[in-house]
Amino acid sequence: MHVLMNNEQKVERLEAKVVEPLKAYGTIVKMKRDDLKATLTARNREAKQLNQLERTRQRNPSDRHVISQAETELQRATMDATRTTRHLEETIDNFEKQKIKDIKTIFSEFITIEMLFHGKALEVYTAAYQNIQKIDEEEDLEAFRNSLYPPDYSSRLDIVRANSKSPLQRSLSAKCLSGTGQVSTCQLRKDQQADDDDEEDEDLDVTEEEN
């Protein structure tokens, strides 16, 4: 979320520091085109006045008044063309000077913004990577197993098993589990009981044969 918020800030700063200054050049270039058109118009007028003067001299070489008037018009056109040309040259020079400065500033802002954004993103992702490396796989696995088999799981299982035994099995189990010595005695009692049962079976067989 922090990276996304940082991305929004990056877009806003790019709009203000990069996009808007570049868009402003649309108006600036239009104004410079108007200056160029004015200069071209003045030069065309000068060329036209020069052609007119040449024609006047050819048609009326002796008419000084007409020739003088044409020369005056040419002089005015030349002065206007010179003035607009000088203005255009200054405009072009200033435009190029400002353009270089603006490009340097705009691209510096762009690179700075991108560096700040990616630097912050790198900081966040570096921290995330370090946290991932700190994960203890064995500890996580143990926690997972404990979630499946809680600590009281074994005791509950023993209770279920105990409740499923018959009264005699529960009695024998209780006697057998009372101690190590008692376990041996219990086993002996079970063996003795089995031997007695075998002897009773043999006595019954003998009695039946005698009869």
C-alpha atoms as a PDB file:
ATOM      1  CA  MET A   1       0.000   0.000   0.000  1.00  0.00           C
ATOM      2  CA  HIS A   2       2.893   2.306   0.785  1.00  0.00           C
ATOM      3  CA  VAL A   3       4.378   1.728  -2.669  1.00  0.00           C
ATOM      4  CA  LEU A   4       1.006   2.427  -4.317  1.00  0.00           C
ATOM      5  CA  MET A   5       0.655   5.698  -2.417  1.00  0.00           C
ATOM      6  CA  ASN A   6       4.189   6.606  -3.433  1.00  0.00           C
ATOM      7  CA  ASN A   7       3.274   5.882  -7.050  1.00  0.00           C
ATOM      8  CA  GLU A   8       0.347   8.317  -6.827  1.00  0.00           C
ATOM      9  CA  GLN A   9       2.696  10.988  -5.500  1.00  0.00           C
ATOM     10  CA  LYS A  10       5.102  10.245  -8.345  1.00  0.00           C
ATOM     11  CA  VAL A  11       2.364  10.757 -10.947  1.00  0.00           C
ATOM     12  CA  GLU A  12       1.325  14.054  -9.349  1.00  0.00           C
ATOM     13  CA  ARG A  13       4.899  15.340  -9.316  1.00  0.00           C
ATOM     14  CA  LEU A  14       5.469  14.254 -12.905  1.00  0.00           C
ATOM     15  CA  GLU A  15       2.326  16.125 -13.943  1.00  0.00           C
ATOM     16  CA  ALA A  16       3.509  19.303 -12.210  1.00  0.00           C
ATOM     17  CA  LYS A  17       7.237  19.175 -12.971  1.00  0.00           C
ATOM     18  CA  VAL A  18       7.373  17.471 -16.372  1.00  0.00           C
ATOM     19  CA  VAL A  19       4.055  17.301 -18.214  1.00  0.00           C
ATOM     20  CA  GLU A  20       2.852  20.863 -17.581  1.00  0.00           C
ATOM     21  CA  PRO A  21       6.147  22.550 -18.593  1.00  0.00           C
ATOM     22  CA  LEU A  22       6.221  20.486 -21.788  1.00  0.00           C
ATOM     23  CA  LYS A  23       2.596  21.364 -22.548  1.00  0.00           C
ATOM     24  CA  ALA A  24       3.454  25.049 -22.139  1.00  0.00           C
ATOM     25  CA  TYR A  25       5.754  24.735 -25.131  1.00  0.00           C
ATOM     26  CA  GLY A  26       2.699  24.335 -27.344  1.00  0.00           C
ATOM     27  CA  THR A  27       1.808  27.992 -26.750  1.00  0.00           C
ATOM     28  CA  ILE A  28       5.434  29.124 -26.955  1.00  0.00           C
ATOM     29  CA  VAL A  29       6.010  27.409 -30.309  1.00  0.00           C
ATOM     30  CA  LYS A  30       2.810  28.948 -31.706  1.00  0.00           C
ATOM     31  CA  MET A  31       4.057  32.436 -30.780  1.00  0.00           C
ATOM     32  CA  LYS A  32       7.425  31.770 -32.411  1.00  0.00           C
ATOM     33  CA  ARG A  33       5.672  30.623 -35.580  1.00  0.00           C
ATOM     34  CA  ASP A  34       3.828  33.944 -35.684  1.00  0.00           C
ATOM     35  CA  ASP A  35       7.189  35.760 -35.428  1.00  0.00           C
ATOM     36  CA  LEU A  36       8.537  33.620 -38.264  1.00  0.00           C
ATOM     37  CA  LYS A  37       5.497  34.389 -40.440  1.00  0.00           C
ATOM     38  CA  ALA A  38       5.905  38.133 -39.800  1.00  0.00           C
ATOM     39  CA  THR A  39       9.549  37.971 -40.843  1.00  0.00           C
ATOM     40  CA  LEU A  40       8.750  35.986 -43.994  1.00  0.00           C
ATOM     41  CA  THR A  41       5.993  38.479 -44.874  1.00  0.00           C
ATOM     42  CA  ALA A  42       8.397  41.422 -44.460  1.00  0.00           C
ATOM     43  CA  ARG A  43      11.012  39.743 -46.639  1.00  0.00           C
ATOM     44  CA  ASN A  44       8.446  38.951 -49.317  1.00  0.00           C
ATOM     45  CA  ARG A  45       7.326  42.594 -49.285  1.00  0.00           C
ATOM     46  CA  GLU A  46      10.940  43.705 -49.639  1.00  0.00           C
ATOM     47  CA  ALA A  47      11.440  41.357 -52.582  1.00  0.00           C
ATOM     48  CA  LYS A  48       8.225  42.583 -54.194  1.00  0.00           C
ATOM     49  CA  GLN A  49       9.257  46.252 -53.800  1.00  0.00           C
ATOM     50  CA  LEU A  50      12.637  45.464 -55.327  1.00  0.00           C
ATOM     51  CA  ASN A  51      10.994  43.841 -58.364  1.00  0.00           C
ATOM     52  CA  GLN A  52       8.634  46.792 -58.715  1.00  0.00           C
ATOM     53  CA  LEU A  53      11.553  49.240 -58.633  1.00  0.00           C
ATOM     54  CA  GLU A  54      13.343  47.281 -61.357  1.00  0.00           C
ATOM     55  CA  ARG A  55      10.245  47.273 -63.558  1.00  0.00           C
ATOM     56  CA  THR A  56       9.717  51.008 -62.996  1.00  0.00           C
ATOM     57  CA  ARG A  57      13.299  51.745 -64.027  1.00  0.00           C
ATOM     58  CA  GLN A  58      12.863  49.659 -67.146  1.00  0.00           C
ATOM     59  CA  ARG A  59       9.524  51.160 -68.147  1.00  0.00           C
ATOM     60  CA  ASN A  60      10.113  54.760 -67.114  1.00  0.00           C
ATOM     61  CA  PRO A  61      13.840  55.313 -66.864  1.00  0.00           C
ATOM     62  CA  SER A  62      13.378  59.069 -67.159  1.00  0.00           C
ATOM     63  CA  ASP A  63      10.572  59.448 -64.615  1.00  0.00           C
ATOM     64  CA  ARG A  64      12.552  60.349 -61.502  1.00  0.00           C
ATOM     65  CA  HIS A  65       9.464  60.944 -59.380  1.00  0.00           C
ATOM     66  CA  VAL A  66       8.068  57.444 -59.901  1.00  0.00           C
ATOM     67  CA  ILE A  67      11.502  55.883 -59.491  1.00  0.00           C
ATOM     68  CA  SER A  68      12.150  57.861 -56.283  1.00  0.00           C
ATOM     69  CA  GLN A  69       8.795  56.792 -54.878  1.00  0.00           C
ATOM     70  CA  ALA A  70       9.579  53.133 -55.662  1.00  0.00           C
ATOM     71  CA  GLU A  71      12.996  53.484 -54.046  1.00  0.00           C
ATOM     72  CA  THR A  72      11.374  54.937 -50.906  1.00  0.00           C
ATOM     73  CA  GLU A  73       8.929  52.018 -50.711  1.00  0.00           C
ATOM     74  CA  LEU A  74      11.794  49.586 -51.142  1.00  0.00           C
ATOM     75  CA  GLN A  75      13.778  51.306 -48.408  1.00  0.00           C
ATOM     76  CA  ARG A  76      10.839  51.027 -46.016  1.00  0.00           C
ATOM     77  CA  ALA A  77      10.322  47.378 -46.908  1.00  0.00           C
ATOM     78  CA  THR A  78      14.024  46.676 -46.427  1.00  0.00           C
ATOM     79  CA  MET A  79      14.079  48.374 -43.029  1.00  0.00           C
ATOM     80  CA  ASP A  80      10.991  46.433 -41.956  1.00  0.00           C
ATOM     81  CA  ALA A  81      12.474  43.163 -43.199  1.00  0.00           C
ATOM     82  CA  THR A  82      15.753  43.913 -41.433  1.00  0.00           C
ATOM     83  CA  ARG A  83      13.966  44.766 -38.205  1.00  0.00           C
ATOM     84  CA  THR A  84      11.767  41.650 -38.250  1.00  0.00           C
ATOM     85  CA  THR A  85      14.722  39.473 -39.225  1.00  0.00           C
ATOM     86  CA  ARG A  86      16.800  40.793 -36.340  1.00  0.00           C
ATOM     87  CA  HIS A  87      13.837  40.270 -34.020  1.00  0.00           C
ATOM     88  CA  LEU A  88      13.402  36.719 -35.326  1.00  0.00           C
ATOM     89  CA  GLU A  89      17.095  35.973 -34.823  1.00  0.00           C
ATOM     90  CA  GLU A  90      16.914  37.218 -31.237  1.00  0.00           C
ATOM     91  CA  THR A  91      13.719  35.256 -30.718  1.00  0.00           C
ATOM     92  CA  ILE A  92      15.277  32.076 -32.070  1.00  0.00           C
ATOM     93  CA  ASP A  93      18.378  32.559 -29.942  1.00  0.00           C
ATOM     94  CA  ASN A  94      16.355  33.206 -26.792  1.00  0.00           C
ATOM     95  CA  PHE A  95      14.036  30.322 -27.596  1.00  0.00           C
ATOM     96  CA  GLU A  96      16.941  27.905 -28.015  1.00  0.00           C
ATOM     97  CA  LYS A  97      18.596  29.185 -24.846  1.00  0.00           C
ATOM     98  CA  GLN A  98      15.379  28.789 -22.835  1.00  0.00           C
ATOM     99  CA  LYS A  99      14.650  25.413 -24.434  1.00  0.00           C
ATOM    100  CA  ILE A 100      18.028  23.999 -23.406  1.00  0.00           C
ATOM    101  CA  LYS A 101      17.552  25.305 -19.881  1.00  0.00           C
ATOM    102  CA  ASP A 102      14.005  23.933 -19.658  1.00  0.00           C
ATOM    103  CA  ILE A 103      14.965  20.539 -21.070  1.00  0.00           C
ATOM    104  CA  LYS A 104      17.771  20.299 -18.540  1.00  0.00           C
ATOM    105  CA  THR A 105      15.414  21.240 -15.697  1.00  0.00           C
ATOM    106  CA  ILE A 106      12.527  19.040 -16.866  1.00  0.00           C
ATOM    107  CA  PHE A 107      14.634  15.932 -17.392  1.00  0.00           C
ATOM    108  CA  SER A 108      16.494  16.530 -14.137  1.00  0.00           C
ATOM    109  CA  GLU A 109      13.139  16.658 -12.358  1.00  0.00           C
ATOM    110  CA  PHE A 110      12.002  13.528 -14.182  1.00  0.00           C
ATOM    111  CA  ILE A 111      15.122  11.574 -13.243  1.00  0.00           C
ATOM    112  CA  THR A 112      15.001  12.818  -9.639  1.00  0.00           C
ATOM    113  CA  ILE A 113      11.352  11.805  -9.262  1.00  0.00           C
ATOM    114  CA  GLU A 114      12.021   8.368 -10.750  1.00  0.00           C
ATOM    115  CA  MET A 115      15.063   7.875  -8.512  1.00  0.00           C
ATOM    116  CA  LEU A 116      13.070   8.818  -5.418  1.00  0.00           C
ATOM    117  CA  PHE A 117      10.235   6.495  -6.413  1.00  0.00           C
ATOM    118  CA  HIS A 118      12.442   3.520  -7.225  1.00  0.00           C
ATOM    119  CA  GLY A 119      14.662   4.238  -4.226  1.00  0.00           C
ATOM    120  CA  LYS A 120      11.645   4.077  -1.920  1.00  0.00           C
ATOM    121  CA  ALA A 121      10.359   0.980  -3.681  1.00  0.00           C
ATOM    122  CA  LEU A 122      13.799  -0.628  -3.343  1.00  0.00           C
ATOM    123  CA  GLU A 123      13.804   0.215   0.364  1.00  0.00           C
ATOM    124  CA  VAL A 124      10.397  -1.408   0.866  1.00  0.00           C
ATOM    125  CA  TYR A 125      11.221  -4.498  -1.178  1.00  0.00           C
ATOM    126  CA  THR A 126      14.596  -4.860   0.545  1.00  0.00           C
ATOM    127  CA  ALA A 127      12.883  -4.888   3.934  1.00  0.00           C
ATOM    128  CA  ALA A 128      10.344  -7.401   2.637  1.00  0.00           C
ATOM    129  CA  TYR A 129      13.125  -9.636   1.299  1.00  0.00           C
ATOM    130  CA  GLN A 130      14.976  -9.510   4.608  1.00  0.00           C
ATOM    131  CA  ASN A 131      11.801 -10.424   6.501  1.00  0.00           C
ATOM    132  CA  ILE A 132      11.247 -13.384   4.200  1.00  0.00           C
ATOM    133  CA  GLN A 133      14.784 -14.606   4.810  1.00  0.00           C
ATOM    134  CA  LYS A 134      14.143 -14.499   8.570  1.00  0.00           C
ATOM    135  CA  ILE A 135      11.365 -17.087   8.296  1.00  0.00           C
ATOM    136  CA  ASP A 136      12.233 -20.190  10.371  1.00  0.00           C
ATOM    137  CA  GLU A 137      10.970 -23.123   8.322  1.00  0.00           C
ATOM    138  CA  GLU A 138      11.169 -25.628  11.189  1.00  0.00           C
ATOM    139  CA  GLU A 139       9.410 -23.277  13.581  1.00  0.00           C
ATOM    140  CA  ASP A 140       6.681 -22.621  11.027  1.00  0.00           C
ATOM    141  CA  LEU A 141       6.235 -26.343  10.428  1.00  0.00           C
ATOM    142  CA  GLU A 142       6.041 -26.998  14.177  1.00  0.00           C
ATOM    143  CA  ALA A 143       3.430 -24.271  14.570  1.00  0.00           C
ATOM    144  CA  PHE A 144       1.433 -25.820  11.733  1.00  0.00           C
ATOM    145  CA  ARG A 145       1.587 -29.257  13.328  1.00  0.00           C
ATOM    146  CA  ASN A 146       0.555 -27.852  16.693  1.00  0.00           C
ATOM    147  CA  SER A 147      -2.429 -26.210  15.049  1.00  0.00           C
ATOM    148  CA  LEU A 148      -3.498 -29.613  13.709  1.00  0.00           C
ATOM    149  CA  TYR A 149      -2.751 -31.501  16.944  1.00  0.00           C
ATOM    150  CA  PRO A 150      -3.161 -29.267  19.998  1.00  0.00           C
ATOM    151  CA  PRO A 151      -1.313 -30.220  23.239  1.00  0.00           C
ATOM    152  CA  ASP A 152      -4.423 -31.763  24.856  1.00  0.00           C
ATOM    153  CA  TYR A 153      -5.074 -33.951  21.784  1.00  0.00           C
ATOM    154  CA  SER A 154      -3.238 -36.998  23.239  1.00  0.00           C
ATOM    155  CA  SER A 155      -5.003 -36.774  26.599  1.00  0.00           C
ATOM    156  CA  ARG A 156      -8.384 -36.616  24.880  1.00  0.00           C
ATOM    157  CA  LEU A 157      -7.437 -39.635  22.772  1.00  0.00           C
ATOM    158  CA  ASP A 158      -6.506 -41.610  25.902  1.00  0.00           C
ATOM    159  CA  ILE A 159      -9.854 -40.742  27.483  1.00  0.00           C
ATOM    160  CA  VAL A 160     -11.718 -41.978  24.416  1.00  0.00           C
ATOM    161  CA  ARG A 161      -9.758 -45.212  24.405  1.00  0.00           C
ATOM    162  CA  ALA A 162     -10.340 -45.741  28.122  1.00  0.00           C
ATOM    163  CA  ASN A 163     -14.077 -45.230  27.763  1.00  0.00           C
ATOM    164  CA  SER A 164     -14.225 -47.765  24.949  1.00  0.00           C
ATOM    165  CA  LYS A 165     -12.861 -50.640  27.172  1.00  0.00           C
ATOM    166  CA  SER A 166     -15.048 -53.105  29.063  1.00  0.00           C
ATOM    167  CA  PRO A 167     -15.236 -52.873  32.902  1.00  0.00           C
ATOM    168  CA  LEU A 168     -12.962 -55.927  33.250  1.00  0.00           C
ATOM    169  CA  GLN A 169     -10.386 -54.458  30.811  1.00  0.00           C
ATOM    170  CA  ARG A 170     -10.413 -51.156  32.653  1.00  0.00           C
ATOM    171  CA  SER A 171      -9.938 -52.982  35.980  1.00  0.00           C
ATOM    172  CA  LEU A 172      -7.037 -55.046  34.677  1.00  0.00           C
ATOM    173  CA  SER A 173      -5.445 -52.032  33.029  1.00  0.00           C
ATOM    174  CA  ALA A 174      -5.674 -50.053  36.243  1.00  0.00           C
ATOM    175  CA  LYS A 175      -4.054 -52.852  38.210  1.00  0.00           C
ATOM    176  CA  CYS A 176      -1.343 -53.401  35.606  1.00  0.00           C
ATOM    177  CA  LEU A 177      -0.452 -49.732  35.342  1.00  0.00           C
ATOM    178  CA  SER A 178      -0.123 -49.135  39.097  1.00  0.00           C
ATOM    179  CA  GLY A 179       3.657 -49.828  39.077  1.00  0.00           C
ATOM    180  CA  THR A 180       6.454 -51.872  37.578  1.00  0.00           C
ATOM    181  CA  GLY A 181       6.286 -54.576  40.215  1.00  0.00           C
ATOM    182  CA  GLN A 182       2.516 -54.723  40.034  1.00  0.00           C
ATOM    183  CA  VAL A 183       2.663 -55.069  36.272  1.00  0.00           C
ATOM    184  CA  SER A 184       4.738 -58.232  36.697  1.00  0.00           C
ATOM    185  CA  THR A 185       2.349 -59.561  39.385  1.00  0.00           C
ATOM    186  CA  CYS A 186      -0.601 -58.857  37.161  1.00  0.00           C
ATOM    187  CA  GLN A 187       1.006 -60.744  34.322  1.00  0.00           C
ATOM    188  CA  LEU A 188       1.765 -63.688  36.653  1.00  0.00           C
ATOM    189  CA  ARG A 189      -1.845 -63.731  37.814  1.00  0.00           C
ATOM    190  CA  LYS A 190      -3.009 -63.833  34.213  1.00  0.00           C
ATOM    191  CA  ASP A 191      -0.598 -66.733  33.486  1.00  0.00           C
ATOM    192  CA  GLN A 192      -1.695 -68.598  36.637  1.00  0.00           C
ATOM    193  CA  GLN A 193      -5.328 -68.165  35.694  1.00  0.00           C
ATOM    194  CA  ALA A 194      -4.600 -69.636  32.271  1.00  0.00           C
ATOM    195  CA  ASP A 195      -2.806 -72.645  33.800  1.00  0.00           C
ATOM    196  CA  ASP A 196      -5.700 -73.294  36.199  1.00  0.00           C
ATOM    197  CA  ASP A 197      -8.133 -73.223  33.305  1.00  0.00           C
ATOM    198  CA  ASP A 198      -5.996 -75.772  31.431  1.00  0.00           C
ATOM    199  CA  GLU A 199      -5.881 -78.108  34.463  1.00  0.00           C
ATOM    200  CA  GLU A 200      -9.647 -77.937  34.879  1.00  0.00           C
ATOM    201  CA  ASP A 201     -10.056 -78.888  31.224  1.00  0.00           C
ATOM    202  CA  GLU A 202      -7.742 -81.908  31.685  1.00  0.00           C
ATOM    203  CA  ASP A 203      -9.653 -83.099  34.801  1.00  0.00           C
ATOM    204  CA  LEU A 204     -12.905 -82.941  32.882  1.00  0.00           C
ATOM    205  CA  ASP A 205     -11.413 -85.028  30.079  1.00  0.00           C
ATOM    206  CA  VAL A 206     -10.194 -87.725  32.532  1.00  0.00           C
ATOM    207  CA  THR A 207     -13.558 -87.952  34.257  1.00  0.00           C
ATOM    208  CA  GLU A 208     -15.348 -88.409  30.959  1.00  0.00           C
ATOM    209  CA  GLU A 209     -12.977 -91.251  29.978  1.00  0.00           C
ATOM    210  CA  GLU A 210     -13.560 -93.131  33.251  1.00  0.00           C
ATOM    211  CA  ASN A 211     -17.286 -92.977  32.793  1.00  0.00           C
END
